Structures are given as structure tokens and as C-alpha cells.
Amino acid sequence: MRFVGDAGLVMLVLTMPRRYDTSTYKKHKRPGAWGSPCPDEIDGTDAQLLLSTGVEAEDAIWNVEGRSCFRAFCHAHEGDVSFWHGHPIPWSRLPLEAKNRLVAAGRLDEATFRRAMRKGWGDER
């Protein structure tokens, strides 16, 4: 979710407790549905873990798992909880700021990133 001109509200949403919301986003698991198909091995529990351990950059949460790179965005908030949905992205779309924060957090190493870029991981999405 993007809040144009209101950086304070963006920071508030990013610091709220995050909950991965699958209720309105099951389309990504259906064959032929619009959007990036989520890897079969990622279930709701895994998605919540990726959200909880991800890094913040450019008003989104970013994380990696195996050969997959993920971006999550906030689509709603209620009280003190923010609701998020994530999707896999090509590694080439991982912003430099997010990549550096993932490296600093120990979620990604430079060799894996170079290999992902060289082999085009996620470009088929």
C-alpha cells in the first residue's frame, strides 16, 4: 500500500505487528490465475515466517527462501495490526537497498545473489 505524501503513516504501518493475509489472495495458487504463482512448498505458516523475518525497504517487506525472492505489501490495517500479501519476484527486481539489508540480516549472502542474477532465477515469473 502506498500512502502518497504521508511518510509518517507509512512508518506507522511498517512498525505495526504484521499478519500474512491469505483470505483474499488464494488466486495465486489456482492454475491459470493472474499474478505470480507462489511456490508449492510455501504455505501460510511459511509465508508468515518470511513476512516476520523480512527486511523493510521502499514501503515493502522483502525476503528470500531458496531460489525464490519475495516482496510483500500492506493492503489493510485494523487497530494495531497490518495485513500483508506477498508474491515471488524475479531476483533482478530486488532493490539494492533491500538486497543490502537482507545481506546485513544474514538472510542472503553475496555469492547466492550473484548466482541468482547470473542464472536469472525468477525471470520466468
Protein backbone atom coordinates (compact mmCIF):
# COMPACT_ATOMS: atom_id res chain seq x y z
CA MET A 1 0.00 0.00 0.00
CA ARG A 2 1.40 3.38 -0.91
CA PHE A 3 0.49 6.49 1.06
CA VAL A 4 1.40 9.41 -1.17
CA GLY A 5 2.75 12.35 0.78
CA ASP A 6 2.37 10.82 4.21
CA ALA A 7 5.69 9.30 5.30
CA GLY A 8 4.54 9.18 8.94
CA LEU A 9 1.66 6.88 8.11
CA VAL A 10 3.95 4.64 6.06
CA MET A 11 6.28 4.28 9.05
CA LEU A 12 3.31 3.52 11.31
CA VAL A 13 2.13 0.70 9.02
CA LEU A 14 5.66 -0.73 8.72
CA THR A 15 6.06 -0.85 12.51
CA MET A 16 2.66 -2.44 13.26
CA PRO A 17 2.53 -6.18 14.00
CA ARG A 18 2.35 -7.90 10.60
CA ARG A 19 -0.09 -10.63 9.69
CA TYR A 20 0.11 -12.53 6.41
CA ASP A 21 -3.37 -12.47 4.89
CA THR A 22 -4.37 -15.25 2.51
CA SER A 23 -8.12 -14.70 2.68
CA THR A 24 -8.42 -12.58 -0.46
CA TYR A 25 -5.33 -13.79 -2.29
CA LYS A 26 -5.89 -17.50 -2.91
CA LYS A 27 -5.86 -16.79 -6.67
CA HIS A 28 -2.10 -17.29 -6.79
CA LYS A 29 -2.45 -21.00 -6.01
CA ARG A 30 -5.11 -21.61 -8.72
CA PRO A 31 -3.91 -22.71 -12.17
CA GLY A 32 -4.35 -20.02 -14.79
CA ALA A 33 -4.98 -17.24 -12.26
CA TRP A 34 -3.48 -13.78 -12.66
CA GLY A 35 -0.30 -12.96 -10.75
CA SER A 36 2.90 -14.71 -9.75
CA PRO A 37 2.30 -18.31 -8.72
CA CYS A 38 3.56 -18.99 -5.22
CA PRO A 39 5.95 -21.95 -4.95
CA ASP A 40 4.02 -25.07 -3.89
CA GLU A 41 6.24 -25.57 -0.87
CA ILE A 42 5.26 -22.17 0.63
CA ASP A 43 2.16 -22.43 2.83
CA GLY A 44 0.54 -19.86 5.13
CA THR A 45 2.89 -20.65 8.02
CA ASP A 46 5.96 -20.27 5.80
CA ALA A 47 4.56 -17.03 4.35
CA GLN A 48 4.09 -15.60 7.85
CA LEU A 49 7.67 -16.56 8.75
CA LEU A 50 9.00 -14.89 5.58
CA LEU A 51 7.00 -11.77 6.44
CA SER A 52 8.18 -11.75 10.07
CA THR A 53 11.86 -12.21 9.17
CA GLY A 54 11.90 -9.96 6.10
CA VAL A 55 13.51 -6.56 5.78
CA GLU A 56 11.86 -3.22 5.10
CA ALA A 57 12.73 -1.16 2.03
CA GLU A 58 10.72 1.01 -0.36
CA ASP A 59 7.47 0.64 1.64
CA ALA A 60 7.55 -3.15 1.29
CA ILE A 61 8.91 -6.22 3.05
CA TRP A 62 11.49 -8.29 1.14
CA ASN A 63 12.82 -11.77 1.82
CA VAL A 64 14.42 -14.77 0.14
CA GLU A 65 13.99 -18.52 0.52
CA GLY A 66 15.98 -20.97 -1.55
CA ARG A 67 15.81 -19.87 -5.18
CA SER A 68 12.83 -17.56 -4.58
CA CYS A 69 12.79 -13.85 -3.82
CA PHE A 70 9.64 -12.30 -2.30
CA ARG A 71 8.04 -8.86 -1.96
CA ALA A 72 5.15 -8.22 0.45
CA PHE A 73 2.94 -5.16 0.59
CA CYS A 74 0.44 -3.94 3.16
CA HIS A 75 -3.10 -3.94 1.83
CA ALA A 76 -5.04 -3.16 5.01
CA HIS A 77 -4.69 -2.39 8.68
CA GLU A 78 -7.08 -2.80 11.56
CA GLY A 79 -6.32 -1.48 15.01
CA ASP A 80 -2.65 -2.17 15.67
CA VAL A 81 -2.28 -4.99 13.10
CA SER A 82 -1.28 -4.59 9.45
CA PHE A 83 -2.36 -7.18 6.85
CA TRP A 84 0.13 -8.15 4.16
CA HIS A 85 0.25 -10.17 0.99
CA GLY A 86 3.43 -11.29 -0.71
CA HIS A 87 4.43 -12.71 -4.03
CA PRO A 88 7.57 -14.06 -5.68
CA ILE A 89 9.52 -11.68 -7.89
CA PRO A 90 12.47 -12.06 -10.25
CA TRP A 91 15.75 -11.55 -8.38
CA SER A 92 16.58 -8.81 -10.88
CA ARG A 93 13.76 -6.72 -9.35
CA LEU A 94 15.19 -6.85 -5.82
CA PRO A 95 16.11 -3.24 -4.93
CA LEU A 96 19.72 -2.62 -3.92
CA GLU A 97 18.60 -1.28 -0.52
CA ALA A 98 16.60 -4.46 0.18
CA LYS A 99 19.45 -6.69 -1.02
CA ASN A 100 21.92 -4.92 1.27
CA ARG A 101 19.55 -5.20 4.25
CA LEU A 102 18.99 -8.92 3.57
CA VAL A 103 22.77 -9.44 3.50
CA ALA A 104 23.19 -7.47 6.76
CA ALA A 105 20.40 -9.51 8.39
CA GLY A 106 22.04 -12.80 7.37
CA ARG A 107 19.13 -13.80 5.11
CA LEU A 108 21.22 -13.58 1.91
CA ASP A 109 24.88 -13.86 1.00
CA GLU A 110 26.65 -12.17 -1.90
CA ALA A 111 27.51 -15.46 -3.63
CA THR A 112 23.87 -16.56 -3.71
CA PHE A 113 22.81 -13.16 -5.04
CA ARG A 114 25.43 -13.27 -7.82
CA ARG A 115 24.38 -16.82 -8.74
CA ALA A 116 20.69 -15.79 -8.82
CA MET A 117 21.47 -12.86 -11.11
CA ARG A 118 23.76 -14.90 -13.38
CA LYS A 119 21.24 -17.74 -13.75
CA GLY A 120 18.19 -15.46 -13.98
CA TRP A 121 16.34 -17.01 -11.04
CA GLY A 122 12.70 -15.94 -11.08
CA ASP A 123 12.84 -14.39 -14.56
CA GLU A 124 10.20 -16.88 -15.72
CA ARG A 125 7.64 -15.16 -13.47
